[in-house]
Amino acid sequence: ERSKLQELADVAKADLQASLEEDLTKLKKELVTSRAHCDSLKEEWSVWQQDLKEQHQRRTELQAALCRRQQELEQAWERHGVAEAALAEAEHSLEEEGKLVDQWCEAAEGQRQDVSKVKAECERLRSELEEASKRTSELQR
């Protein structure tokens, strides 16, 4: 009877060991899969971080460009204001000299065109900055 019990114990032990070895093998496979997935996520995270860094750099560059364009616009408006004042003075004091007045008008028109170009460039840069900000916000999420 003791021998039967020992035999049953050995069989149970062998079954348990086989089951444990099978579970261990499954867990090892799951661990390998999990590690590969983690490595993939780490790589993806690294790519996202790099992209976010690049977007931030681009945003900074766009902000600097926008500031420069705004300064240029302010200067152009100042020049335009000076030209307008000079034009008004020329119209009042030199009415009989039509050629001179025509020259001032042409100069003012050229400056108006410069202002329009700078305005258009500022709007384009604002749009790019907003787009970069949106992409940055999306990447940060």
N, C-alpha and C. Protein backbone atom coordinates (compact mmCIF):
# COMPACT_ATOMS: atom_id res chain seq x y z
N GLU A 1 0.81 -1.19 0.00
CA GLU A 1 0.00 0.00 0.00
C GLU A 1 0.87 1.27 0.00
N ARG A 2 1.92 1.19 0.77
CA ARG A 2 2.86 2.31 0.78
C ARG A 2 3.48 2.49 -0.59
N SER A 3 3.75 1.44 -1.25
CA SER A 3 4.32 1.47 -2.59
C SER A 3 3.34 2.11 -3.57
N LYS A 4 2.06 1.79 -3.43
CA LYS A 4 1.05 2.40 -4.29
C LYS A 4 0.96 3.90 -4.03
N LEU A 5 0.98 4.23 -2.75
CA LEU A 5 0.94 5.65 -2.42
C LEU A 5 2.16 6.37 -2.96
N GLN A 6 3.30 5.73 -2.83
CA GLN A 6 4.53 6.34 -3.35
C GLN A 6 4.44 6.49 -4.86
N GLU A 7 3.90 5.47 -5.50
CA GLU A 7 3.75 5.51 -6.95
C GLU A 7 2.78 6.62 -7.36
N LEU A 8 1.66 6.75 -6.63
CA LEU A 8 0.70 7.82 -6.90
C LEU A 8 1.35 9.19 -6.66
N ALA A 9 2.12 9.27 -5.60
CA ALA A 9 2.81 10.53 -5.29
C ALA A 9 3.81 10.87 -6.40
N ASP A 10 4.53 9.87 -6.88
CA ASP A 10 5.49 10.10 -7.96
C ASP A 10 4.79 10.54 -9.24
N VAL A 11 3.68 9.89 -9.54
CA VAL A 11 2.91 10.25 -10.75
C VAL A 11 2.38 11.68 -10.60
N ALA A 12 1.84 11.98 -9.42
CA ALA A 12 1.32 13.33 -9.19
C ALA A 12 2.43 14.36 -9.28
N LYS A 13 3.58 13.98 -8.71
CA LYS A 13 4.73 14.88 -8.75
C LYS A 13 5.18 15.10 -10.19
N ALA A 14 5.24 14.03 -10.98
CA ALA A 14 5.64 14.13 -12.39
C ALA A 14 4.64 14.98 -13.18
N ASP A 15 3.34 14.74 -12.92
CA ASP A 15 2.31 15.53 -13.60
C ASP A 15 2.43 17.02 -13.23
N LEU A 16 2.63 17.25 -11.95
CA LEU A 16 2.76 18.62 -11.48
C LEU A 16 4.00 19.28 -12.09
N GLN A 17 5.09 18.54 -12.13
CA GLN A 17 6.33 19.08 -12.70
C GLN A 17 6.16 19.37 -14.19
N ALA A 18 5.52 18.46 -14.90
CA ALA A 18 5.27 18.66 -16.33
C ALA A 18 4.38 19.89 -16.55
N SER A 19 3.34 20.01 -15.71
CA SER A 19 2.44 21.14 -15.81
C SER A 19 3.18 22.44 -15.51
N LEU A 20 4.02 22.40 -14.48
CA LEU A 20 4.80 23.59 -14.13
C LEU A 20 5.79 23.95 -15.23
N GLU A 21 6.41 22.95 -15.83
CA GLU A 21 7.34 23.21 -16.92
C GLU A 21 6.61 23.79 -18.13
N GLU A 22 5.41 23.29 -18.39
CA GLU A 22 4.61 23.82 -19.50
C GLU A 22 4.22 25.28 -19.23
N ASP A 23 3.77 25.54 -17.99
CA ASP A 23 3.42 26.92 -17.61
C ASP A 23 4.64 27.83 -17.70
N LEU A 24 5.80 27.32 -17.26
CA LEU A 24 7.03 28.11 -17.32
C LEU A 24 7.40 28.43 -18.76
N THR A 25 7.26 27.46 -19.64
CA THR A 25 7.55 27.68 -21.06
C THR A 25 6.61 28.75 -21.64
N LYS A 26 5.32 28.64 -21.31
CA LYS A 26 4.36 29.64 -21.78
C LYS A 26 4.72 31.03 -21.25
N LEU A 27 5.08 31.08 -19.97
CA LEU A 27 5.43 32.38 -19.38
C LEU A 27 6.69 32.95 -20.02
N LYS A 28 7.65 32.10 -20.33
CA LYS A 28 8.87 32.57 -21.00
C LYS A 28 8.53 33.14 -22.37
N LYS A 29 7.65 32.45 -23.11
CA LYS A 29 7.24 32.95 -24.42
C LYS A 29 6.53 34.30 -24.28
N GLU A 30 5.63 34.37 -23.30
CA GLU A 30 4.92 35.63 -23.07
C GLU A 30 5.89 36.75 -22.70
N LEU A 31 6.91 36.42 -21.92
CA LEU A 31 7.90 37.40 -21.52
C LEU A 31 8.68 37.89 -22.74
N VAL A 32 9.06 37.00 -23.63
CA VAL A 32 9.77 37.39 -24.85
C VAL A 32 8.89 38.31 -25.70
N THR A 33 7.63 37.93 -25.86
CA THR A 33 6.69 38.74 -26.63
C THR A 33 6.50 40.12 -25.97
N SER A 34 6.35 40.10 -24.66
CA SER A 34 6.17 41.34 -23.93
C SER A 34 7.39 42.24 -24.05
N ARG A 35 8.57 41.66 -23.95
CA ARG A 35 9.80 42.45 -24.09
C ARG A 35 9.89 43.06 -25.50
N ALA A 36 9.55 42.27 -26.50
CA ALA A 36 9.59 42.78 -27.88
C ALA A 36 8.60 43.94 -28.04
N HIS A 37 7.44 43.77 -27.45
CA HIS A 37 6.44 44.84 -27.52
C HIS A 37 6.95 46.09 -26.80
N CYS A 38 7.54 45.92 -25.63
CA CYS A 38 8.10 47.06 -24.89
C CYS A 38 9.21 47.74 -25.70
N ASP A 39 10.06 46.94 -26.30
CA ASP A 39 11.13 47.52 -27.13
C ASP A 39 10.53 48.32 -28.28
N SER A 40 9.49 47.78 -28.89
CA SER A 40 8.82 48.48 -29.99
C SER A 40 8.22 49.79 -29.50
N LEU A 41 7.58 49.73 -28.33
CA LEU A 41 6.99 50.96 -27.77
C LEU A 41 8.07 51.97 -27.41
N LYS A 42 9.19 51.50 -26.89
CA LYS A 42 10.28 52.41 -26.56
C LYS A 42 10.80 53.09 -27.83
N GLU A 43 10.94 52.32 -28.89
CA GLU A 43 11.42 52.88 -30.15
C GLU A 43 10.42 53.90 -30.70
N GLU A 44 9.15 53.54 -30.65
CA GLU A 44 8.11 54.45 -31.12
C GLU A 44 8.11 55.73 -30.27
N TRP A 45 8.24 55.59 -28.97
CA TRP A 45 8.30 56.74 -28.07
C TRP A 45 9.49 57.62 -28.42
N SER A 46 10.61 57.01 -28.70
CA SER A 46 11.81 57.76 -29.06
C SER A 46 11.58 58.56 -30.35
N VAL A 47 10.96 57.92 -31.33
CA VAL A 47 10.64 58.60 -32.59
C VAL A 47 9.70 59.77 -32.33
N TRP A 48 8.70 59.55 -31.49
CA TRP A 48 7.75 60.62 -31.18
C TRP A 48 8.45 61.77 -30.47
N GLN A 49 9.33 61.43 -29.54
CA GLN A 49 10.05 62.49 -28.83
C GLN A 49 10.90 63.30 -29.81
N GLN A 50 11.56 62.63 -30.73
CA GLN A 50 12.38 63.33 -31.71
C GLN A 50 11.51 64.22 -32.60
N ASP A 51 10.38 63.67 -33.02
CA ASP A 51 9.46 64.45 -33.86
C ASP A 51 8.94 65.67 -33.09
N LEU A 52 8.61 65.46 -31.82
CA LEU A 52 8.14 66.57 -30.99
C LEU A 52 9.24 67.62 -30.84
N LYS A 53 10.46 67.18 -30.66
CA LYS A 53 11.58 68.11 -30.54
C LYS A 53 11.74 68.92 -31.84
N GLU A 54 11.64 68.24 -32.98
CA GLU A 54 11.75 68.92 -34.26
C GLU A 54 10.60 69.90 -34.47
N GLN A 55 9.39 69.49 -34.08
CA GLN A 55 8.24 70.38 -34.22
C GLN A 55 8.42 71.61 -33.33
N HIS A 56 8.93 71.39 -32.13
CA HIS A 56 9.17 72.51 -31.22
C HIS A 56 10.21 73.46 -31.82
N GLN A 57 11.26 72.88 -32.40
CA GLN A 57 12.29 73.71 -33.03
C GLN A 57 11.69 74.50 -34.19
N ARG A 58 10.88 73.85 -35.00
CA ARG A 58 10.24 74.51 -36.13
C ARG A 58 9.31 75.63 -35.65
N ARG A 59 8.58 75.34 -34.58
CA ARG A 59 7.68 76.34 -34.01
C ARG A 59 8.48 77.55 -33.53
N THR A 60 9.59 77.29 -32.88
CA THR A 60 10.45 78.38 -32.40
C THR A 60 10.96 79.20 -33.58
N GLU A 61 11.38 78.52 -34.64
CA GLU A 61 11.86 79.22 -35.83
C GLU A 61 10.75 80.06 -36.46
N LEU A 62 9.54 79.49 -36.51
CA LEU A 62 8.42 80.22 -37.08
C LEU A 62 8.05 81.44 -36.23
N GLN A 63 8.12 81.28 -34.91
CA GLN A 63 7.84 82.42 -34.03
C GLN A 63 8.87 83.53 -34.25
N ALA A 64 10.13 83.15 -34.38
CA ALA A 64 11.18 84.15 -34.61
C ALA A 64 10.94 84.84 -35.96
N ALA A 65 10.60 84.05 -36.98
CA ALA A 65 10.33 84.63 -38.29
C ALA A 65 9.12 85.57 -38.24
N LEU A 66 8.11 85.16 -37.50
CA LEU A 66 6.92 86.01 -37.36
C LEU A 66 7.28 87.32 -36.67
N CYS A 67 8.10 87.26 -35.63
CA CYS A 67 8.53 88.49 -34.95
C CYS A 67 9.29 89.41 -35.91
N ARG A 68 10.18 88.82 -36.71
CA ARG A 68 10.92 89.63 -37.68
C ARG A 68 9.96 90.26 -38.68
N ARG A 69 9.01 89.49 -39.15
CA ARG A 69 8.05 90.01 -40.14
C ARG A 69 7.19 91.11 -39.52
N GLN A 70 6.83 90.94 -38.27
CA GLN A 70 6.03 91.97 -37.61
C GLN A 70 6.84 93.27 -37.47
N GLN A 71 8.12 93.15 -37.14
CA GLN A 71 8.97 94.33 -37.07
C GLN A 71 9.09 94.99 -38.44
N GLU A 72 9.26 94.17 -39.46
CA GLU A 72 9.33 94.72 -40.82
C GLU A 72 8.03 95.42 -41.19
N LEU A 73 6.91 94.83 -40.78
CA LEU A 73 5.61 95.45 -41.05
C LEU A 73 5.50 96.80 -40.34
N GLU A 74 5.92 96.85 -39.08
CA GLU A 74 5.88 98.11 -38.34
C GLU A 74 6.77 99.16 -39.01
N GLN A 75 7.95 98.74 -39.42
CA GLN A 75 8.84 99.68 -40.11
C GLN A 75 8.25 100.13 -41.43
N ALA A 76 7.64 99.20 -42.14
CA ALA A 76 7.02 99.55 -43.41
C ALA A 76 5.87 100.53 -43.18
N TRP A 77 5.09 100.31 -42.12
CA TRP A 77 4.00 101.24 -41.81
C TRP A 77 4.55 102.61 -41.45
N GLU A 78 5.66 102.61 -40.70
CA GLU A 78 6.28 103.90 -40.37
C GLU A 78 6.72 104.61 -41.64
N ARG A 79 7.40 103.87 -42.51
CA ARG A 79 7.83 104.46 -43.78
C ARG A 79 6.63 104.93 -44.59
N HIS A 80 5.59 104.14 -44.56
CA HIS A 80 4.37 104.49 -45.27
C HIS A 80 3.78 105.78 -44.69
N GLY A 81 3.76 105.88 -43.36
CA GLY A 81 3.25 107.08 -42.71
C GLY A 81 4.06 108.31 -43.08
N VAL A 82 5.39 108.14 -43.09
CA VAL A 82 6.27 109.24 -43.49
C VAL A 82 6.00 109.63 -44.93
N ALA A 83 5.87 108.62 -45.76
CA ALA A 83 5.60 108.90 -47.18
C ALA A 83 4.26 109.59 -47.36
N GLU A 84 3.26 109.13 -46.61
CA GLU A 84 1.94 109.76 -46.69
C GLU A 84 2.02 111.23 -46.25
N ALA A 85 2.73 111.48 -45.16
CA ALA A 85 2.87 112.86 -44.67
C ALA A 85 3.59 113.72 -45.70
N ALA A 86 4.66 113.17 -46.25
CA ALA A 86 5.42 113.91 -47.26
C ALA A 86 4.56 114.16 -48.49
N LEU A 87 3.77 113.19 -48.84
CA LEU A 87 2.89 113.33 -50.00
C LEU A 87 1.87 114.44 -49.76
N ALA A 88 1.29 114.46 -48.59
CA ALA A 88 0.31 115.50 -48.28
C ALA A 88 0.95 116.88 -48.32
N GLU A 89 2.15 116.98 -47.75
CA GLU A 89 2.86 118.26 -47.78
C GLU A 89 3.18 118.68 -49.21
N ALA A 90 3.63 117.71 -50.00
CA ALA A 90 3.97 118.02 -51.38
C ALA A 90 2.74 118.45 -52.17
N GLU A 91 1.59 117.83 -51.91
CA GLU A 91 0.37 118.20 -52.62
C GLU A 91 -0.05 119.63 -52.30
N HIS A 92 0.11 120.03 -51.03
CA HIS A 92 -0.28 121.39 -50.63
C HIS A 92 0.71 122.44 -51.12
N SER A 93 1.98 122.17 -50.98
CA SER A 93 2.96 123.21 -51.28
C SER A 93 3.44 123.22 -52.72
N LEU A 94 3.27 122.11 -53.44
CA LEU A 94 3.82 122.05 -54.79
C LEU A 94 2.76 121.64 -55.82
N GLU A 95 1.56 122.15 -55.67
CA GLU A 95 0.49 121.77 -56.58
C GLU A 95 0.83 122.05 -58.03
N GLU A 96 1.51 123.16 -58.28
CA GLU A 96 1.84 123.50 -59.66
C GLU A 96 2.91 122.62 -60.25
N GLU A 97 3.64 121.89 -59.41
CA GLU A 97 4.68 121.00 -59.94
C GLU A 97 4.14 119.57 -59.97
N GLY A 98 3.31 119.29 -60.93
CA GLY A 98 2.64 117.99 -61.05
C GLY A 98 3.58 116.80 -61.16
N LYS A 99 4.72 117.00 -61.80
CA LYS A 99 5.66 115.90 -61.94
C LYS A 99 6.17 115.42 -60.58
N LEU A 100 6.46 116.35 -59.70
CA LEU A 100 6.97 116.00 -58.38
C LEU A 100 5.90 115.24 -57.58
N VAL A 101 4.69 115.72 -57.69
CA VAL A 101 3.59 115.06 -57.00
C VAL A 101 3.41 113.62 -57.53
N ASP A 102 3.50 113.45 -58.84
CA ASP A 102 3.37 112.12 -59.44
C ASP A 102 4.46 111.18 -58.90
N GLN A 103 5.67 111.69 -58.76
CA GLN A 103 6.77 110.87 -58.23
C GLN A 103 6.48 110.41 -56.79
N TRP A 104 5.95 111.33 -55.97
CA TRP A 104 5.62 110.96 -54.59
C TRP A 104 4.50 109.92 -54.57
N CYS A 105 3.55 110.05 -55.46
CA CYS A 105 2.45 109.07 -55.51
C CYS A 105 2.98 107.69 -55.87
N GLU A 106 3.87 107.65 -56.82
CA GLU A 106 4.47 106.36 -57.21
C GLU A 106 5.25 105.75 -56.05
N ALA A 107 5.98 106.58 -55.32
CA ALA A 107 6.74 106.08 -54.16
C ALA A 107 5.81 105.53 -53.09
N ALA A 108 4.72 106.25 -52.83
CA ALA A 108 3.76 105.80 -51.82
C ALA A 108 3.11 104.49 -52.25
N GLU A 109 2.79 104.35 -53.53
CA GLU A 109 2.19 103.12 -54.02
C GLU A 109 3.13 101.94 -53.87
N GLY A 110 4.40 102.19 -54.17
CA GLY A 110 5.41 101.13 -53.99
C GLY A 110 5.48 100.69 -52.53
N GLN A 111 5.39 101.67 -51.63
CA GLN A 111 5.45 101.33 -50.20
C GLN A 111 4.18 100.60 -49.78
N ARG A 112 3.05 100.97 -50.33
CA ARG A 112 1.80 100.25 -50.03
C ARG A 112 1.92 98.80 -50.48
N GLN A 113 2.52 98.61 -51.64
CA GLN A 113 2.71 97.23 -52.13
C GLN A 113 3.65 96.47 -51.21
N ASP A 114 4.70 97.13 -50.72
CA ASP A 114 5.62 96.49 -49.76
C ASP A 114 4.86 96.08 -48.51
N VAL A 115 4.00 96.98 -48.01
CA VAL A 115 3.22 96.68 -46.81
C VAL A 115 2.30 95.49 -47.08
N SER A 116 1.67 95.45 -48.23
CA SER A 116 0.78 94.34 -48.58
C SER A 116 1.54 93.02 -48.64
N LYS A 117 2.74 93.07 -49.21
CA LYS A 117 3.55 91.85 -49.29
C LYS A 117 3.94 91.36 -47.90
N VAL A 118 4.35 92.29 -47.04
CA VAL A 118 4.75 91.91 -45.68
C VAL A 118 3.54 91.37 -44.92
N LYS A 119 2.36 92.02 -45.11
CA LYS A 119 1.15 91.53 -44.45
C LYS A 119 0.84 90.09 -44.90
N ALA A 120 0.92 89.85 -46.17
CA ALA A 120 0.63 88.52 -46.72
C ALA A 120 1.63 87.50 -46.15
N GLU A 121 2.88 87.87 -46.08
CA GLU A 121 3.91 86.97 -45.53
C GLU A 121 3.64 86.70 -44.05
N CYS A 122 3.24 87.72 -43.31
CA CYS A 122 2.91 87.54 -41.88
C CYS A 122 1.74 86.58 -41.72
N GLU A 123 0.72 86.72 -42.55
CA GLU A 123 -0.42 85.83 -42.47
C GLU A 123 -0.02 84.39 -42.79
N ARG A 124 0.83 84.23 -43.79
CA ARG A 124 1.30 82.89 -44.14
C ARG A 124 2.08 82.28 -42.97
N LEU A 125 2.94 83.07 -42.36
CA LEU A 125 3.73 82.57 -41.23
C LEU A 125 2.84 82.28 -40.02
N ARG A 126 1.82 83.11 -39.81
CA ARG A 126 0.88 82.83 -38.71
C ARG A 126 0.19 81.49 -38.94
N SER A 127 -0.21 81.25 -40.16
CA SER A 127 -0.88 79.98 -40.49
C SER A 127 0.06 78.81 -40.24
N GLU A 128 1.29 78.94 -40.67
CA GLU A 128 2.27 77.86 -40.44
C GLU A 128 2.50 77.65 -38.96
N LEU A 129 2.56 78.74 -38.19
CA LEU A 129 2.77 78.64 -36.75
C LEU A 129 1.59 77.95 -36.09
N GLU A 130 0.37 78.30 -36.51
CA GLU A 130 -0.80 77.64 -35.96
C GLU A 130 -0.81 76.16 -36.29
N GLU A 131 -0.43 75.82 -37.52
CA GLU A 131 -0.38 74.41 -37.91
C GLU A 131 0.68 73.66 -37.11
N ALA A 132 1.84 74.29 -36.93
CA ALA A 132 2.90 73.66 -36.13
C ALA A 132 2.46 73.49 -34.69
N SER A 133 1.73 74.48 -34.15
CA SER A 133 1.23 74.39 -32.78
C SER A 133 0.24 73.24 -32.66
N LYS A 134 -0.64 73.10 -33.67
CA LYS A 134 -1.61 71.99 -33.66
C LYS A 134 -0.89 70.65 -33.67
N ARG A 135 0.11 70.53 -34.56
CA ARG A 135 0.86 69.26 -34.64
C ARG A 135 1.60 68.99 -33.33
N THR A 136 2.14 70.04 -32.74
CA THR A 136 2.85 69.88 -31.47
C THR A 136 1.88 69.41 -30.40
N SER A 137 0.70 70.04 -30.35
CA SER A 137 -0.29 69.65 -29.36
C SER A 137 -0.72 68.21 -29.57
N GLU A 138 -0.91 67.82 -30.83
CA GLU A 138 -1.31 66.44 -31.13
C GLU A 138 -0.22 65.47 -30.72
N LEU A 139 0.99 65.81 -30.97
CA LEU A 139 2.10 64.92 -30.59
C LEU A 139 2.26 64.83 -29.08
N GLN A 140 1.98 65.90 -28.38
CA GLN A 140 2.10 65.88 -26.93
C GLN A 140 1.03 65.03 -26.30
N ARG A 141 -0.10 64.89 -26.99
CA ARG A 141 -1.16 64.04 -26.46
C ARG A 141 -0.73 62.60 -26.58
